[in-house]
PDB file of all heavy atoms in Angstrom:
ATOM      1  N   THR A   1      -9.511   0.919  -4.688  1.00  0.00           N
ATOM      2  CA  THR A   1      -9.789   0.019  -3.583  1.00  0.00           C
ATOM      3  C   THR A   1     -10.280  -1.314  -4.121  1.00  0.00           C
ATOM      4  O   THR A   1     -11.180  -1.360  -4.947  1.00  0.00           O
ATOM      5  CB  THR A   1     -10.854   0.615  -2.641  1.00  0.00           C
ATOM      6  OG1 THR A   1     -10.376   1.870  -2.157  1.00  0.00           O
ATOM      7  CG2 THR A   1     -11.123  -0.299  -1.468  1.00  0.00           C
ATOM      8  N   LEU A   2      -9.660  -2.385  -3.653  1.00  0.00           N
ATOM      9  CA  LEU A   2     -10.054  -3.733  -4.031  1.00  0.00           C
ATOM     10  C   LEU A   2     -10.723  -4.388  -2.836  1.00  0.00           C
ATOM     11  O   LEU A   2     -10.245  -4.277  -1.715  1.00  0.00           O
ATOM     12  CB  LEU A   2      -8.823  -4.551  -4.435  1.00  0.00           C
ATOM     13  CG  LEU A   2      -7.962  -3.963  -5.548  1.00  0.00           C
ATOM     14  CD1 LEU A   2      -6.721  -4.818  -5.746  1.00  0.00           C
ATOM     15  CD2 LEU A   2      -8.741  -3.869  -6.837  1.00  0.00           C
ATOM     16  N   THR A   3     -11.812  -5.082  -3.053  1.00  0.00           N
ATOM     17  CA  THR A   3     -12.520  -5.751  -1.970  1.00  0.00           C
ATOM     18  C   THR A   3     -12.619  -7.237  -2.283  1.00  0.00           C
ATOM     19  O   THR A   3     -13.003  -7.622  -3.376  1.00  0.00           O
ATOM     20  CB  THR A   3     -13.941  -5.173  -1.799  1.00  0.00           C
ATOM     21  OG1 THR A   3     -13.844  -3.769  -1.641  1.00  0.00           O
ATOM     22  CG2 THR A   3     -14.625  -5.769  -0.593  1.00  0.00           C
ATOM     23  N   THR A   4     -12.265  -8.080  -1.319  1.00  0.00           N
ATOM     24  CA  THR A   4     -12.375  -9.526  -1.502  1.00  0.00           C
ATOM     25  C   THR A   4     -13.720 -10.004  -1.001  1.00  0.00           C
ATOM     26  O   THR A   4     -14.480  -9.243  -0.403  1.00  0.00           O
ATOM     27  CB  THR A   4     -11.266 -10.269  -0.723  1.00  0.00           C
ATOM     28  OG1 THR A   4     -11.501 -10.085   0.667  1.00  0.00           O
ATOM     29  CG2 THR A   4      -9.891  -9.756  -1.102  1.00  0.00           C
ATOM     30  N   ASN A   5     -14.022 -11.286  -1.201  1.00  0.00           N
ATOM     31  CA  ASN A   5     -15.308 -11.810  -0.753  1.00  0.00           C
ATOM     32  C   ASN A   5     -15.413 -11.873   0.766  1.00  0.00           C
ATOM     33  O   ASN A   5     -16.496 -12.042   1.306  1.00  0.00           O
ATOM     34  CB  ASN A   5     -15.598 -13.179  -1.382  1.00  0.00           C
ATOM     35  CG  ASN A   5     -14.531 -14.202  -1.078  1.00  0.00           C
ATOM     36  OD1 ASN A   5     -13.544 -13.890  -0.419  1.00  0.00           O
ATOM     37  ND2 ASN A   5     -14.721 -15.407  -1.567  1.00  0.00           N
ATOM     38  N   GLU A   6     -14.289 -11.732   1.497  1.00  0.00           N
ATOM     39  CA  GLU A   6     -14.343 -11.681   2.953  1.00  0.00           C
ATOM     40  C   GLU A   6     -14.544 -10.247   3.452  1.00  0.00           C
ATOM     41  O   GLU A   6     -14.500  -9.992   4.635  1.00  0.00           O
ATOM     42  CB  GLU A   6     -13.059 -12.229   3.578  1.00  0.00           C
ATOM     43  CG  GLU A   6     -12.864 -13.719   3.392  1.00  0.00           C
ATOM     44  CD  GLU A   6     -12.124 -14.028   2.111  1.00  0.00           C
ATOM     45  OE1 GLU A   6     -11.423 -13.139   1.576  1.00  0.00           O
ATOM     46  OE2 GLU A   6     -12.259 -15.149   1.610  1.00  0.00           O
ATOM     47  N   SER A   7     -14.701  -9.300   2.538  1.00  0.00           N
ATOM     48  CA  SER A   7     -14.931  -7.888   2.842  1.00  0.00           C
ATOM     49  C   SER A   7     -13.706  -7.184   3.412  1.00  0.00           C
ATOM     50  O   SER A   7     -13.831  -6.100   3.959  1.00  0.00           O
ATOM     51  CB  SER A   7     -16.114  -7.709   3.802  1.00  0.00           C
ATOM     52  OG  SER A   7     -17.283  -8.192   3.198  1.00  0.00           O
ATOM     53  N   SER A   8     -12.531  -7.784   3.302  1.00  0.00           N
ATOM     54  CA  SER A   8     -11.339  -7.039   3.688  1.00  0.00           C
ATOM     55  C   SER A   8     -10.991  -6.105   2.535  1.00  0.00           C
ATOM     56  O   SER A   8     -11.317  -6.353   1.396  1.00  0.00           O
ATOM     57  CB  SER A   8     -10.186  -7.989   4.010  1.00  0.00           C
ATOM     58  OG  SER A   8      -9.901  -8.800   2.912  1.00  0.00           O
ATOM     59  N   VAL A   9     -10.345  -5.010   2.868  1.00  0.00           N
ATOM     60  CA  VAL A   9     -10.101  -3.975   1.869  1.00  0.00           C
ATOM     61  C   VAL A   9      -8.603  -3.731   1.742  1.00  0.00           C
ATOM     62  O   VAL A   9      -7.901  -3.607   2.729  1.00  0.00           O
ATOM     63  CB  VAL A   9     -10.817  -2.666   2.259  1.00  0.00           C
ATOM     64  CG1 VAL A   9     -10.480  -1.550   1.281  1.00  0.00           C
ATOM     65  CG2 VAL A   9     -12.315  -2.895   2.321  1.00  0.00           C
ATOM     66  N   LEU A  10      -8.140  -3.653   0.510  1.00  0.00           N
ATOM     67  CA  LEU A  10      -6.763  -3.321   0.203  1.00  0.00           C
ATOM     68  C   LEU A  10      -6.795  -2.075  -0.672  1.00  0.00           C
ATOM     69  O   LEU A  10      -7.453  -2.058  -1.704  1.00  0.00           O
ATOM     70  CB  LEU A  10      -6.091  -4.470  -0.554  1.00  0.00           C
ATOM     71  CG  LEU A  10      -4.727  -4.207  -1.155  1.00  0.00           C
ATOM     72  CD1 LEU A  10      -3.716  -3.949  -0.034  1.00  0.00           C
ATOM     73  CD2 LEU A  10      -4.298  -5.379  -1.999  1.00  0.00           C
ATOM     74  N   THR A  11      -6.118  -1.029  -0.245  1.00  0.00           N
ATOM     75  CA  THR A  11      -6.074   0.197  -1.029  1.00  0.00           C
ATOM     76  C   THR A  11      -4.716   0.308  -1.692  1.00  0.00           C
ATOM     77  O   THR A  11      -3.689   0.202  -1.028  1.00  0.00           O
ATOM     78  CB  THR A  11      -6.322   1.429  -0.143  1.00  0.00           C
ATOM     79  OG1 THR A  11      -7.611   1.291   0.451  1.00  0.00           O
ATOM     80  CG2 THR A  11      -6.270   2.713  -0.950  1.00  0.00           C
ATOM     81  N   ILE A  12      -4.726   0.505  -2.996  1.00  0.00           N
ATOM     82  CA  ILE A  12      -3.497   0.648  -3.759  1.00  0.00           C
ATOM     83  C   ILE A  12      -3.381   2.103  -4.179  1.00  0.00           C
ATOM     84  O   ILE A  12      -4.268   2.634  -4.839  1.00  0.00           O
ATOM     85  CB  ILE A  12      -3.517  -0.265  -5.000  1.00  0.00           C
ATOM     86  CG1 ILE A  12      -3.646  -1.722  -4.568  1.00  0.00           C
ATOM     87  CG2 ILE A  12      -2.274  -0.043  -5.845  1.00  0.00           C
ATOM     88  CD1 ILE A  12      -3.872  -2.676  -5.713  1.00  0.00           C
ATOM     89  N   GLN A  13      -2.298   2.739  -3.788  1.00  0.00           N
ATOM     90  CA  GLN A  13      -2.091   4.137  -4.138  1.00  0.00           C
ATOM     91  C   GLN A  13      -1.581   4.222  -5.569  1.00  0.00           C
ATOM     92  O   GLN A  13      -0.658   3.524  -5.947  1.00  0.00           O
ATOM     93  CB  GLN A  13      -1.068   4.786  -3.197  1.00  0.00           C
ATOM     94  CG  GLN A  13      -1.495   4.819  -1.755  1.00  0.00           C
ATOM     95  CD  GLN A  13      -2.690   5.726  -1.523  1.00  0.00           C
ATOM     96  OE1 GLN A  13      -2.964   6.634  -2.293  1.00  0.00           O
ATOM     97  NE2 GLN A  13      -3.417   5.479  -0.456  1.00  0.00           N
ATOM     98  N   THR A  14      -2.196   5.066  -6.350  1.00  0.00           N
ATOM     99  CA  THR A  14      -1.759   5.299  -7.717  1.00  0.00           C
ATOM    100  C   THR A  14      -1.570   6.792  -7.915  1.00  0.00           C
ATOM    101  O   THR A  14      -2.053   7.600  -7.135  1.00  0.00           O
ATOM    102  CB  THR A  14      -2.792   4.769  -8.726  1.00  0.00           C
ATOM    103  OG1 THR A  14      -4.030   5.413  -8.489  1.00  0.00           O
ATOM    104  CG2 THR A  14      -2.964   3.272  -8.613  1.00  0.00           C
ATOM    105  N   GLY A  15      -0.884   7.154  -8.961  1.00  0.00           N
ATOM    106  CA  GLY A  15      -0.689   8.563  -9.238  1.00  0.00           C
ATOM    107  C   GLY A  15       0.439   9.149  -8.414  1.00  0.00           C
ATOM    108  O   GLY A  15       1.406   8.480  -8.087  1.00  0.00           O
ATOM    109  N   GLU A  16       0.297  10.400  -8.047  1.00  0.00           N
ATOM    110  CA  GLU A  16       1.369  11.148  -7.405  1.00  0.00           C
ATOM    111  C   GLU A  16       1.198  11.290  -5.892  1.00  0.00           C
ATOM    112  O   GLU A  16       1.657  12.264  -5.316  1.00  0.00           O
ATOM    113  CB  GLU A  16       1.489  12.524  -8.060  1.00  0.00           C
ATOM    114  CG  GLU A  16       1.898  12.458  -9.515  1.00  0.00           C
ATOM    115  CD  GLU A  16       3.256  11.810  -9.717  1.00  0.00           C
ATOM    116  OE1 GLU A  16       4.198  12.114  -8.959  1.00  0.00           O
ATOM    117  OE2 GLU A  16       3.361  10.961 -10.623  1.00  0.00           O
ATOM    118  N   VAL A  17       0.539  10.362  -5.243  1.00  0.00           N
ATOM    119  CA  VAL A  17       0.365  10.421  -3.797  1.00  0.00           C
ATOM    120  C   VAL A  17       1.708  10.107  -3.137  1.00  0.00           C
ATOM    121  O   VAL A  17       2.305   9.071  -3.390  1.00  0.00           O
ATOM    122  CB  VAL A  17      -0.704   9.414  -3.321  1.00  0.00           C
ATOM    123  CG1 VAL A  17      -0.790   9.415  -1.810  1.00  0.00           C
ATOM    124  CG2 VAL A  17      -2.048   9.735  -3.941  1.00  0.00           C
ATOM    125  N   LYS A  18       2.173  11.029  -2.303  1.00  0.00           N
ATOM    126  CA  LYS A  18       3.443  10.817  -1.612  1.00  0.00           C
ATOM    127  C   LYS A  18       3.171  10.424  -0.167  1.00  0.00           C
ATOM    128  O   LYS A  18       2.313  10.993   0.489  1.00  0.00           O
ATOM    129  CB  LYS A  18       4.309  12.069  -1.668  1.00  0.00           C
ATOM    130  CG  LYS A  18       4.796  12.349  -3.070  1.00  0.00           C
ATOM    131  CD  LYS A  18       5.855  13.415  -3.087  1.00  0.00           C
ATOM    132  CE  LYS A  18       6.354  13.567  -4.520  1.00  0.00           C
ATOM    133  NZ  LYS A  18       7.574  14.342  -4.568  1.00  0.00           N
ATOM    134  N   ASN A  19       3.909   9.424   0.280  1.00  0.00           N
ATOM    135  CA  ASN A  19       3.840   8.956   1.655  1.00  0.00           C
ATOM    136  C   ASN A  19       5.243   8.847   2.209  1.00  0.00           C
ATOM    137  O   ASN A  19       6.226   8.891   1.474  1.00  0.00           O
ATOM    138  CB  ASN A  19       3.152   7.589   1.725  1.00  0.00           C
ATOM    139  CG  ASN A  19       1.669   7.690   1.517  1.00  0.00           C
ATOM    140  OD1 ASN A  19       0.962   8.342   2.270  1.00  0.00           O
ATOM    141  ND2 ASN A  19       1.168   7.049   0.470  1.00  0.00           N
ATOM    142  N   GLN A  20       5.323   8.668   3.510  1.00  0.00           N
ATOM    143  CA  GLN A  20       6.613   8.479   4.155  1.00  0.00           C
ATOM    144  C   GLN A  20       6.964   7.005   4.153  1.00  0.00           C
ATOM    145  O   GLN A  20       6.153   6.161   4.537  1.00  0.00           O
ATOM    146  CB  GLN A  20       6.564   9.004   5.587  1.00  0.00           C
ATOM    147  CG  GLN A  20       7.895   8.908   6.301  1.00  0.00           C
ATOM    148  CD  GLN A  20       7.861   9.614   7.628  1.00  0.00           C
ATOM    149  OE1 GLN A  20       7.541  10.800   7.696  1.00  0.00           O
ATOM    150  NE2 GLN A  20       8.174   8.895   8.678  1.00  0.00           N
ATOM    151  N   TYR A  21       8.174   6.696   3.712  1.00  0.00           N
ATOM    152  CA  TYR A  21       8.694   5.333   3.670  1.00  0.00           C
ATOM    153  C   TYR A  21      10.033   5.274   4.392  1.00  0.00           C
ATOM    154  O   TYR A  21      10.793   6.244   4.367  1.00  0.00           O
ATOM    155  CB  TYR A  21       8.924   4.862   2.227  1.00  0.00           C
ATOM    156  CG  TYR A  21       7.660   4.684   1.434  1.00  0.00           C
ATOM    157  CD1 TYR A  21       7.085   5.743   0.746  1.00  0.00           C
ATOM    158  CD2 TYR A  21       7.031   3.443   1.367  1.00  0.00           C
ATOM    159  CE1 TYR A  21       5.917   5.584   0.014  1.00  0.00           C
ATOM    160  CE2 TYR A  21       5.864   3.277   0.639  1.00  0.00           C
ATOM    161  CZ  TYR A  21       5.315   4.354  -0.039  1.00  0.00           C
ATOM    162  OH  TYR A  21       4.162   4.187  -0.756  1.00  0.00           O
ATOM    163  N   THR A  22      10.315   4.149   5.013  1.00  0.00           N
ATOM    164  CA  THR A  22      11.626   3.892   5.584  1.00  0.00           C
ATOM    165  C   THR A  22      12.301   2.827   4.735  1.00  0.00           C
ATOM    166  O   THR A  22      11.712   1.767   4.489  1.00  0.00           O
ATOM    167  CB  THR A  22      11.522   3.415   7.042  1.00  0.00           C
ATOM    168  OG1 THR A  22      10.886   4.434   7.817  1.00  0.00           O
ATOM    169  CG2 THR A  22      12.891   3.111   7.623  1.00  0.00           C
ATOM    170  N   ILE A  23      13.515   3.135   4.277  1.00  0.00           N
ATOM    171  CA  ILE A  23      14.299   2.194   3.476  1.00  0.00           C
ATOM    172  C   ILE A  23      15.434   1.699   4.358  1.00  0.00           C
ATOM    173  O   ILE A  23      16.205   2.503   4.896  1.00  0.00           O
ATOM    174  CB  ILE A  23      14.873   2.876   2.220  1.00  0.00           C
ATOM    175  CG1 ILE A  23      13.754   3.456   1.354  1.00  0.00           C
ATOM    176  CG2 ILE A  23      15.729   1.892   1.430  1.00  0.00           C
ATOM    177  CD1 ILE A  23      14.244   4.331   0.215  1.00  0.00           C
ATOM    178  N   THR A  24      15.527   0.388   4.539  1.00  0.00           N
ATOM    179  CA  THR A  24      16.620  -0.193   5.321  1.00  0.00           C
ATOM    180  C   THR A  24      17.219  -1.366   4.560  1.00  0.00           C
ATOM    181  O   THR A  24      16.510  -2.118   3.894  1.00  0.00           O
ATOM    182  CB  THR A  24      16.150  -0.691   6.701  1.00  0.00           C
ATOM    183  OG1 THR A  24      15.022  -1.547   6.530  1.00  0.00           O
ATOM    184  CG2 THR A  24      15.765   0.442   7.613  1.00  0.00           C
ATOM    185  N   PHE A  25      18.531  -1.495   4.675  1.00  0.00           N
ATOM    186  CA  PHE A  25      19.246  -2.626   4.085  1.00  0.00           C
ATOM    187  C   PHE A  25      20.197  -3.217   5.108  1.00  0.00           C
ATOM    188  O   PHE A  25      20.771  -2.494   5.924  1.00  0.00           O
ATOM    189  CB  PHE A  25      20.028  -2.197   2.831  1.00  0.00           C
ATOM    190  CG  PHE A  25      19.160  -2.076   1.610  1.00  0.00           C
ATOM    191  CD1 PHE A  25      18.653  -0.859   1.233  1.00  0.00           C
ATOM    192  CD2 PHE A  25      18.849  -3.197   0.864  1.00  0.00           C
ATOM    193  CE1 PHE A  25      17.842  -0.744   0.121  1.00  0.00           C
ATOM    194  CE2 PHE A  25      18.044  -3.097  -0.251  1.00  0.00           C
ATOM    195  CZ  PHE A  25      17.538  -1.862  -0.624  1.00  0.00           C
ATOM    196  N   TYR A  26      20.343  -4.544   5.025  1.00  0.00           N
ATOM    197  CA  TYR A  26      21.193  -5.295   5.934  1.00  0.00           C
ATOM    198  C   TYR A  26      22.163  -6.149   5.133  1.00  0.00           C
ATOM    199  O   TYR A  26      21.825  -6.624   4.046  1.00  0.00           O
ATOM    200  CB  TYR A  26      20.340  -6.215   6.825  1.00  0.00           C
ATOM    201  CG  TYR A  26      19.380  -5.462   7.698  1.00  0.00           C
ATOM    202  CD1 TYR A  26      18.119  -5.109   7.231  1.00  0.00           C
ATOM    203  CD2 TYR A  26      19.731  -5.091   8.988  1.00  0.00           C
ATOM    204  CE1 TYR A  26      17.233  -4.406   8.027  1.00  0.00           C
ATOM    205  CE2 TYR A  26      18.841  -4.390   9.798  1.00  0.00           C
ATOM    206  CZ  TYR A  26      17.594  -4.050   9.298  1.00  0.00           C
ATOM    207  OH  TYR A  26      16.717  -3.349  10.090  1.00  0.00           O
ATOM    208  N   ASP A  27      23.347  -6.364   5.701  1.00  0.00           N
ATOM    209  CA  ASP A  27      24.324  -7.263   5.098  1.00  0.00           C
ATOM    210  C   ASP A  27      23.754  -8.674   5.109  1.00  0.00           C
ATOM    211  O   ASP A  27      23.270  -9.142   6.143  1.00  0.00           O
ATOM    212  CB  ASP A  27      25.640  -7.207   5.881  1.00  0.00           C
ATOM    213  CG  ASP A  27      26.715  -8.068   5.274  1.00  0.00           C
ATOM    214  OD1 ASP A  27      26.662  -9.316   5.480  1.00  0.00           O
ATOM    215  OD2 ASP A  27      27.595  -7.511   4.600  1.00  0.00           O
TER     216      ASP A  27
END
């Protein structure tokens, strides 16, 4: 977890954590 000086939080997943993703491509 990274925290900025505005106290917003960004979580970066590392390792083998699996999540659901949608992959889409357009012409």
